[in-house]
Amino acid sequence: MPRRPPPSYIFSALYALGFGPIVGRLILLLTTRGRKTGLSRVTALQYEEIDGAIIVGSSRGTQADWYRNILANPHVLVRVKSGEFRGLAEASTDPARIADFLEYRLKRHPKMVGAILRAEGLPATPSREDLERYACRLAMVIIRPE
């Protein structure tokens, strides 16, 4: 069976074909510098824009390669909708901040985020305590334009 390309390649292709304004409502392309190779690495991520900052979460916590790349070099390139900008990324593992982000996402995308949380074993309507307990396994990044 042929291997499927990773989602980043698919979303990169959609952006390249001019579908950024559509795809970019939920997905951005984050370019980091590889912490070992120094090469550009592109990752497709769900995001939220809050008060001029872009916020992305890592379901793999601090083990995600893109997150570890940011710890080594916080200067990133963000391609979102029909534009792109250079940004400075701030990493966080603070459960309260991550729970705030989850609450925000749950209000904006109740079906999608609710399904993700239920798949992780949380109740249909998670309490703040549930979200903070779950957030202990996650990480997030706040990106502000440079």
N, C-alpha and C. Protein backbone atom coordinates (compact mmCIF):
# COMPACT_ATOMS: atom_id res chain seq x y z
N MET A 1 0.84 -1.18 0.00
CA MET A 1 0.00 0.00 0.00
C MET A 1 0.89 1.24 0.00
N PRO A 2 0.65 2.20 -0.91
CA PRO A 2 1.49 3.40 -0.94
C PRO A 2 1.29 4.26 0.30
N ARG A 3 2.39 4.89 0.72
CA ARG A 3 2.32 5.77 1.88
C ARG A 3 1.68 7.09 1.48
N ARG A 4 0.83 7.60 2.37
CA ARG A 4 0.21 8.90 2.15
C ARG A 4 1.17 9.99 2.57
N PRO A 5 1.16 11.13 1.85
CA PRO A 5 2.02 12.23 2.29
C PRO A 5 1.51 12.80 3.61
N PRO A 6 2.42 13.32 4.43
CA PRO A 6 1.98 13.92 5.70
C PRO A 6 1.08 15.13 5.45
N PRO A 7 0.22 15.46 6.40
CA PRO A 7 -0.70 16.58 6.22
C PRO A 7 -0.02 17.89 5.84
N SER A 8 1.19 18.13 6.33
CA SER A 8 1.87 19.39 6.01
C SER A 8 2.07 19.54 4.50
N TYR A 9 2.40 18.43 3.81
CA TYR A 9 2.58 18.50 2.36
C TYR A 9 1.27 18.80 1.66
N ILE A 10 0.21 18.18 2.14
CA ILE A 10 -1.11 18.40 1.54
C ILE A 10 -1.52 19.86 1.72
N PHE A 11 -1.39 20.38 2.93
CA PHE A 11 -1.79 21.77 3.18
C PHE A 11 -0.86 22.75 2.48
N SER A 12 0.43 22.43 2.39
CA SER A 12 1.35 23.28 1.64
C SER A 12 0.93 23.36 0.18
N ALA A 13 0.52 22.22 -0.37
CA ALA A 13 0.06 22.20 -1.76
C ALA A 13 -1.21 23.02 -1.93
N LEU A 14 -2.13 22.90 -0.99
CA LEU A 14 -3.37 23.68 -1.07
C LEU A 14 -3.08 25.17 -1.00
N TYR A 15 -2.18 25.58 -0.12
CA TYR A 15 -1.78 26.98 -0.05
C TYR A 15 -1.14 27.41 -1.38
N ALA A 16 -0.25 26.57 -1.92
CA ALA A 16 0.44 26.91 -3.17
C ALA A 16 -0.54 27.04 -4.33
N LEU A 17 -1.63 26.29 -4.30
CA LEU A 17 -2.63 26.34 -5.36
C LEU A 17 -3.61 27.51 -5.20
N GLY A 18 -3.42 28.32 -4.16
CA GLY A 18 -4.27 29.49 -3.97
C GLY A 18 -5.46 29.27 -3.06
N PHE A 19 -5.49 28.14 -2.36
CA PHE A 19 -6.61 27.85 -1.46
C PHE A 19 -6.35 28.34 -0.03
N GLY A 20 -5.31 29.13 0.17
CA GLY A 20 -4.98 29.65 1.50
C GLY A 20 -6.13 30.37 2.18
N PRO A 21 -6.86 31.25 1.45
CA PRO A 21 -7.96 31.96 2.11
C PRO A 21 -9.05 31.02 2.65
N ILE A 22 -9.20 29.85 2.04
CA ILE A 22 -10.22 28.88 2.50
C ILE A 22 -9.64 27.99 3.59
N VAL A 23 -8.53 27.33 3.29
CA VAL A 23 -7.88 26.41 4.23
C VAL A 23 -7.42 27.17 5.47
N GLY A 24 -6.98 28.41 5.25
CA GLY A 24 -6.41 29.21 6.31
C GLY A 24 -7.36 29.67 7.38
N ARG A 25 -8.65 29.36 7.22
CA ARG A 25 -9.58 29.70 8.29
C ARG A 25 -9.35 28.82 9.52
N LEU A 26 -8.79 27.63 9.30
CA LEU A 26 -8.53 26.71 10.40
C LEU A 26 -7.07 26.29 10.52
N ILE A 27 -6.35 26.28 9.38
CA ILE A 27 -5.01 25.71 9.34
C ILE A 27 -4.01 26.76 8.86
N LEU A 28 -2.89 26.86 9.56
CA LEU A 28 -1.79 27.71 9.11
C LEU A 28 -0.59 26.82 8.82
N LEU A 29 0.37 27.40 8.14
CA LEU A 29 1.65 26.72 7.91
C LEU A 29 2.70 27.44 8.74
N LEU A 30 3.33 26.70 9.63
CA LEU A 30 4.36 27.25 10.51
C LEU A 30 5.71 26.74 10.04
N THR A 31 6.61 27.68 9.74
CA THR A 31 7.97 27.30 9.33
C THR A 31 8.91 27.60 10.48
N THR A 32 9.58 26.55 10.94
CA THR A 32 10.58 26.67 11.99
C THR A 32 11.94 26.29 11.40
N ARG A 33 12.98 26.58 12.15
CA ARG A 33 14.33 26.18 11.75
C ARG A 33 14.66 24.92 12.54
N GLY A 34 15.05 23.84 11.83
CA GLY A 34 15.39 22.58 12.51
C GLY A 34 16.49 22.78 13.53
N ARG A 35 16.26 22.29 14.73
CA ARG A 35 17.22 22.52 15.82
C ARG A 35 18.53 21.77 15.61
N LYS A 36 18.52 20.70 14.83
CA LYS A 36 19.74 19.94 14.57
C LYS A 36 20.32 20.26 13.19
N THR A 37 19.45 20.35 12.19
CA THR A 37 19.92 20.52 10.81
C THR A 37 20.02 21.97 10.37
N GLY A 38 19.23 22.84 11.00
CA GLY A 38 19.18 24.24 10.57
C GLY A 38 18.32 24.44 9.33
N LEU A 39 17.70 23.38 8.84
CA LEU A 39 16.85 23.47 7.65
C LEU A 39 15.45 23.95 8.01
N SER A 40 14.78 24.57 7.05
CA SER A 40 13.40 25.02 7.26
C SER A 40 12.49 23.80 7.35
N ARG A 41 11.58 23.83 8.31
CA ARG A 41 10.61 22.75 8.52
C ARG A 41 9.22 23.36 8.55
N VAL A 42 8.33 22.84 7.72
CA VAL A 42 6.96 23.37 7.64
C VAL A 42 6.00 22.38 8.30
N THR A 43 5.15 22.91 9.17
CA THR A 43 4.15 22.10 9.86
C THR A 43 2.79 22.77 9.72
N ALA A 44 1.79 21.99 9.36
CA ALA A 44 0.41 22.48 9.29
C ALA A 44 -0.21 22.31 10.67
N LEU A 45 -0.80 23.40 11.19
CA LEU A 45 -1.38 23.37 12.54
C LEU A 45 -2.70 24.12 12.58
N GLN A 46 -3.61 23.63 13.42
CA GLN A 46 -4.81 24.40 13.72
C GLN A 46 -4.38 25.57 14.59
N TYR A 47 -5.13 26.67 14.52
CA TYR A 47 -4.73 27.85 15.26
C TYR A 47 -5.96 28.68 15.64
N GLU A 48 -5.70 29.65 16.49
CA GLU A 48 -6.67 30.70 16.80
C GLU A 48 -5.91 32.01 16.78
N GLU A 49 -6.58 33.06 16.34
CA GLU A 49 -6.00 34.40 16.40
C GLU A 49 -6.73 35.15 17.51
N ILE A 50 -5.98 35.59 18.50
CA ILE A 50 -6.55 36.26 19.66
C ILE A 50 -5.73 37.52 19.93
N ASP A 51 -6.39 38.67 19.87
CA ASP A 51 -5.74 39.95 20.14
C ASP A 51 -4.45 40.15 19.33
N GLY A 52 -4.49 39.81 18.06
CA GLY A 52 -3.35 40.03 17.18
C GLY A 52 -2.26 38.99 17.27
N ALA A 53 -2.41 38.02 18.16
CA ALA A 53 -1.43 36.94 18.28
C ALA A 53 -2.02 35.65 17.71
N ILE A 54 -1.16 34.82 17.20
CA ILE A 54 -1.55 33.50 16.71
C ILE A 54 -1.19 32.49 17.80
N ILE A 55 -2.13 31.63 18.14
CA ILE A 55 -1.89 30.64 19.19
C ILE A 55 -2.10 29.25 18.60
N VAL A 56 -1.12 28.38 18.81
CA VAL A 56 -1.20 27.00 18.35
C VAL A 56 -0.94 26.09 19.55
N GLY A 57 -1.57 24.94 19.53
CA GLY A 57 -1.39 23.97 20.60
C GLY A 57 -0.67 22.75 20.09
N SER A 58 0.04 22.09 20.98
CA SER A 58 0.74 20.85 20.65
C SER A 58 0.10 19.70 21.40
N SER A 59 -0.57 18.83 20.67
CA SER A 59 -1.19 17.67 21.31
C SER A 59 -0.13 16.66 21.76
N ARG A 60 1.09 16.77 21.23
CA ARG A 60 2.20 15.92 21.66
C ARG A 60 3.02 16.57 22.77
N GLY A 61 2.48 17.68 23.28
CA GLY A 61 3.18 18.37 24.36
C GLY A 61 4.53 18.89 23.92
N THR A 62 5.52 18.76 24.79
CA THR A 62 6.85 19.28 24.49
C THR A 62 7.66 18.35 23.59
N GLN A 63 7.07 17.24 23.18
CA GLN A 63 7.79 16.28 22.34
C GLN A 63 7.62 16.53 20.85
N ALA A 64 6.71 17.39 20.46
CA ALA A 64 6.51 17.69 19.03
C ALA A 64 7.78 18.34 18.48
N ASP A 65 8.22 17.88 17.32
CA ASP A 65 9.44 18.43 16.72
C ASP A 65 9.34 19.94 16.50
N TRP A 66 8.19 20.40 16.00
CA TRP A 66 8.06 21.84 15.73
C TRP A 66 8.18 22.64 17.02
N TYR A 67 7.66 22.11 18.11
CA TYR A 67 7.74 22.78 19.41
C TYR A 67 9.20 22.83 19.89
N ARG A 68 9.89 21.73 19.75
CA ARG A 68 11.30 21.67 20.17
C ARG A 68 12.16 22.59 19.30
N ASN A 69 11.80 22.71 18.03
CA ASN A 69 12.52 23.65 17.16
C ASN A 69 12.35 25.09 17.65
N ILE A 70 11.13 25.42 18.08
CA ILE A 70 10.86 26.77 18.59
C ILE A 70 11.65 27.04 19.87
N LEU A 71 11.79 26.05 20.72
CA LEU A 71 12.59 26.24 21.93
C LEU A 71 14.04 26.58 21.57
N ALA A 72 14.54 26.00 20.50
CA ALA A 72 15.91 26.26 20.06
C ALA A 72 16.04 27.59 19.33
N ASN A 73 14.98 27.97 18.59
CA ASN A 73 15.01 29.22 17.82
C ASN A 73 13.57 29.72 17.69
N PRO A 74 13.19 30.76 18.44
CA PRO A 74 11.80 31.22 18.45
C PRO A 74 11.38 32.07 17.25
N HIS A 75 12.29 32.31 16.32
CA HIS A 75 11.95 33.10 15.12
C HIS A 75 11.31 32.18 14.09
N VAL A 76 10.08 32.49 13.71
CA VAL A 76 9.31 31.61 12.83
C VAL A 76 8.72 32.41 11.67
N LEU A 77 8.22 31.67 10.69
CA LEU A 77 7.47 32.25 9.58
C LEU A 77 6.09 31.63 9.62
N VAL A 78 5.06 32.45 9.57
CA VAL A 78 3.68 31.97 9.62
C VAL A 78 3.00 32.32 8.30
N ARG A 79 2.44 31.31 7.66
CA ARG A 79 1.63 31.53 6.45
C ARG A 79 0.19 31.22 6.85
N VAL A 80 -0.65 32.23 6.76
CA VAL A 80 -2.04 32.08 7.19
C VAL A 80 -2.94 32.84 6.23
N LYS A 81 -4.01 32.20 5.83
CA LYS A 81 -4.96 32.76 4.86
C LYS A 81 -4.20 33.19 3.61
N SER A 82 -4.26 34.46 3.24
CA SER A 82 -3.58 34.89 2.01
C SER A 82 -2.30 35.66 2.29
N GLY A 83 -1.78 35.58 3.50
CA GLY A 83 -0.57 36.32 3.83
C GLY A 83 0.41 35.51 4.64
N GLU A 84 1.53 36.14 4.92
CA GLU A 84 2.52 35.52 5.79
C GLU A 84 3.26 36.62 6.55
N PHE A 85 3.84 36.23 7.68
CA PHE A 85 4.61 37.18 8.47
C PHE A 85 5.68 36.45 9.27
N ARG A 86 6.71 37.18 9.60
CA ARG A 86 7.74 36.67 10.50
C ARG A 86 7.27 36.94 11.92
N GLY A 87 7.48 35.96 12.78
CA GLY A 87 7.01 36.11 14.14
C GLY A 87 8.02 35.64 15.16
N LEU A 88 7.74 36.02 16.38
CA LEU A 88 8.53 35.57 17.53
C LEU A 88 7.60 34.70 18.38
N ALA A 89 8.02 33.47 18.61
CA ALA A 89 7.18 32.49 19.30
C ALA A 89 7.55 32.37 20.77
N GLU A 90 6.53 32.33 21.59
CA GLU A 90 6.70 32.15 23.03
C GLU A 90 6.05 30.81 23.42
N ALA A 91 6.85 29.89 23.89
CA ALA A 91 6.36 28.57 24.29
C ALA A 91 5.81 28.60 25.71
N SER A 92 4.79 27.77 25.96
CA SER A 92 4.21 27.71 27.30
C SER A 92 3.71 26.29 27.59
N THR A 93 3.94 25.86 28.82
CA THR A 93 3.37 24.60 29.30
C THR A 93 2.48 24.85 30.53
N ASP A 94 2.11 26.10 30.74
CA ASP A 94 1.28 26.48 31.89
C ASP A 94 -0.14 25.93 31.71
N PRO A 95 -0.57 24.99 32.56
CA PRO A 95 -1.89 24.38 32.39
C PRO A 95 -3.04 25.39 32.40
N ALA A 96 -2.93 26.45 33.19
CA ALA A 96 -4.01 27.45 33.24
C ALA A 96 -4.13 28.18 31.90
N ARG A 97 -3.00 28.57 31.32
CA ARG A 97 -3.03 29.25 30.01
C ARG A 97 -3.55 28.31 28.91
N ILE A 98 -3.12 27.06 28.97
CA ILE A 98 -3.56 26.09 27.96
C ILE A 98 -5.05 25.81 28.13
N ALA A 99 -5.53 25.72 29.37
CA ALA A 99 -6.96 25.52 29.61
C ALA A 99 -7.77 26.71 29.10
N ASP A 100 -7.25 27.94 29.27
CA ASP A 100 -7.91 29.12 28.71
C ASP A 100 -8.05 28.97 27.20
N PHE A 101 -6.98 28.53 26.55
CA PHE A 101 -6.97 28.33 25.10
C PHE A 101 -7.99 27.25 24.70
N LEU A 102 -8.03 26.16 25.45
CA LEU A 102 -8.99 25.10 25.16
C LEU A 102 -10.43 25.59 25.32
N GLU A 103 -10.69 26.36 26.36
CA GLU A 103 -12.04 26.92 26.55
C GLU A 103 -12.42 27.81 25.38
N TYR A 104 -11.50 28.64 24.94
CA TYR A 104 -11.74 29.53 23.80
C TYR A 104 -12.05 28.71 22.55
N ARG A 105 -11.23 27.70 22.28
CA ARG A 105 -11.44 26.85 21.10
C ARG A 105 -12.76 26.09 21.19
N LEU A 106 -13.11 25.64 22.39
CA LEU A 106 -14.35 24.91 22.57
C LEU A 106 -15.57 25.78 22.29
N LYS A 107 -15.50 27.06 22.67
CA LYS A 107 -16.59 27.99 22.38
C LYS A 107 -16.70 28.28 20.89
N ARG A 108 -15.55 28.42 20.21
CA ARG A 108 -15.55 28.75 18.79
C ARG A 108 -15.87 27.56 17.89
N HIS A 109 -15.42 26.38 18.27
CA HIS A 109 -15.59 25.18 17.45
C HIS A 109 -16.09 24.03 18.32
N PRO A 110 -17.31 24.15 18.86
CA PRO A 110 -17.77 23.17 19.84
C PRO A 110 -17.80 21.72 19.33
N LYS A 111 -18.22 21.51 18.11
CA LYS A 111 -18.30 20.13 17.61
C LYS A 111 -16.92 19.53 17.39
N MET A 112 -16.07 20.25 16.69
CA MET A 112 -14.74 19.73 16.37
C MET A 112 -13.91 19.55 17.64
N VAL A 113 -13.78 20.59 18.45
CA VAL A 113 -12.95 20.51 19.64
C VAL A 113 -13.58 19.58 20.67
N GLY A 114 -14.91 19.59 20.76
CA GLY A 114 -15.59 18.67 21.66
C GLY A 114 -15.28 17.22 21.31
N ALA A 115 -15.27 16.91 20.01
CA ALA A 115 -14.95 15.54 19.56
C ALA A 115 -13.51 15.18 19.91
N ILE A 116 -12.61 16.12 19.73
CA ILE A 116 -11.20 15.88 20.07
C ILE A 116 -11.08 15.60 21.57
N LEU A 117 -11.71 16.41 22.38
CA LEU A 117 -11.63 16.23 23.84
C LEU A 117 -12.27 14.92 24.28
N ARG A 118 -13.42 14.57 23.68
CA ARG A 118 -14.05 13.30 24.02
C ARG A 118 -13.16 12.12 23.63
N ALA A 119 -12.48 12.23 22.48
CA ALA A 119 -11.56 11.17 22.05
C ALA A 119 -10.39 11.02 23.02
N GLU A 120 -10.09 12.08 23.75
CA GLU A 120 -9.02 12.04 24.76
C GLU A 120 -9.54 11.61 26.13
N GLY A 121 -10.83 11.25 26.20
CA GLY A 121 -11.40 10.74 27.45
C GLY A 121 -12.05 11.76 28.33
N LEU A 122 -12.21 13.00 27.86
CA LEU A 122 -12.88 14.02 28.66
C LEU A 122 -14.39 13.92 28.48
N PRO A 123 -15.16 14.41 29.43
CA PRO A 123 -16.62 14.38 29.30
C PRO A 123 -17.10 15.33 28.20
N ALA A 124 -18.33 15.16 27.78
CA ALA A 124 -18.92 15.98 26.71
C ALA A 124 -18.86 17.47 27.06
N THR A 125 -19.07 17.79 28.32
CA THR A 125 -18.96 19.17 28.78
C THR A 125 -17.89 19.21 29.87
N PRO A 126 -16.63 19.38 29.48
CA PRO A 126 -15.57 19.31 30.49
C PRO A 126 -15.59 20.51 31.42
N SER A 127 -15.27 20.27 32.67
CA SER A 127 -15.15 21.35 33.66
C SER A 127 -13.78 22.01 33.50
N ARG A 128 -13.61 23.13 34.14
CA ARG A 128 -12.31 23.81 34.13
C ARG A 128 -11.24 22.88 34.70
N GLU A 129 -11.59 22.16 35.76
CA GLU A 129 -10.65 21.22 36.36
C GLU A 129 -10.26 20.12 35.37
N ASP A 130 -11.23 19.60 34.61
CA ASP A 130 -10.95 18.60 33.58
C ASP A 130 -9.96 19.14 32.56
N LEU A 131 -10.20 20.39 32.10
CA LEU A 131 -9.35 21.00 31.09
C LEU A 131 -7.93 21.22 31.62
N GLU A 132 -7.80 21.68 32.85
CA GLU A 132 -6.47 21.91 33.41
C GLU A 132 -5.71 20.60 33.61
N ARG A 133 -6.43 19.56 34.02
CA ARG A 133 -5.79 18.25 34.20
C ARG A 133 -5.28 17.73 32.84
N TYR A 134 -6.13 17.87 31.80
CA TYR A 134 -5.75 17.46 30.45
C TYR A 134 -4.59 18.34 29.93
N ALA A 135 -4.63 19.63 30.23
CA ALA A 135 -3.62 20.58 29.74
C ALA A 135 -2.23 20.27 30.26
N CYS A 136 -2.12 19.54 31.35
CA CYS A 136 -0.81 19.19 31.89
C CYS A 136 0.02 18.36 30.91
N ARG A 137 -0.65 17.72 29.95
CA ARG A 137 0.06 16.88 28.95
C ARG A 137 0.37 17.64 27.67
N LEU A 138 -0.10 18.89 27.58
CA LEU A 138 0.00 19.64 26.34
C LEU A 138 1.02 20.77 26.44
N ALA A 139 1.18 21.44 25.32
CA ALA A 139 2.01 22.65 25.27
C ALA A 139 1.35 23.57 24.26
N MET A 140 1.68 24.85 24.31
CA MET A 140 1.15 25.79 23.33
C MET A 140 2.20 26.84 23.03
N VAL A 141 1.97 27.53 21.92
CA VAL A 141 2.88 28.57 21.49
C VAL A 141 2.08 29.79 21.09
N ILE A 142 2.52 30.95 21.54
CA ILE A 142 1.91 32.22 21.18
C ILE A 142 2.90 32.91 20.23
N ILE A 143 2.41 33.26 19.04
CA ILE A 143 3.27 33.88 18.03
C ILE A 143 2.79 35.31 17.78
N ARG A 144 3.72 36.23 17.95
CA ARG A 144 3.42 37.64 17.70
C ARG A 144 4.29 38.12 16.55
N PRO A 145 3.74 38.97 15.67
CA PRO A 145 4.55 39.49 14.56
C PRO A 145 5.79 40.21 15.09
N GLU A 146 6.91 40.04 14.38
CA GLU A 146 8.15 40.73 14.75
C GLU A 146 8.11 42.17 14.29
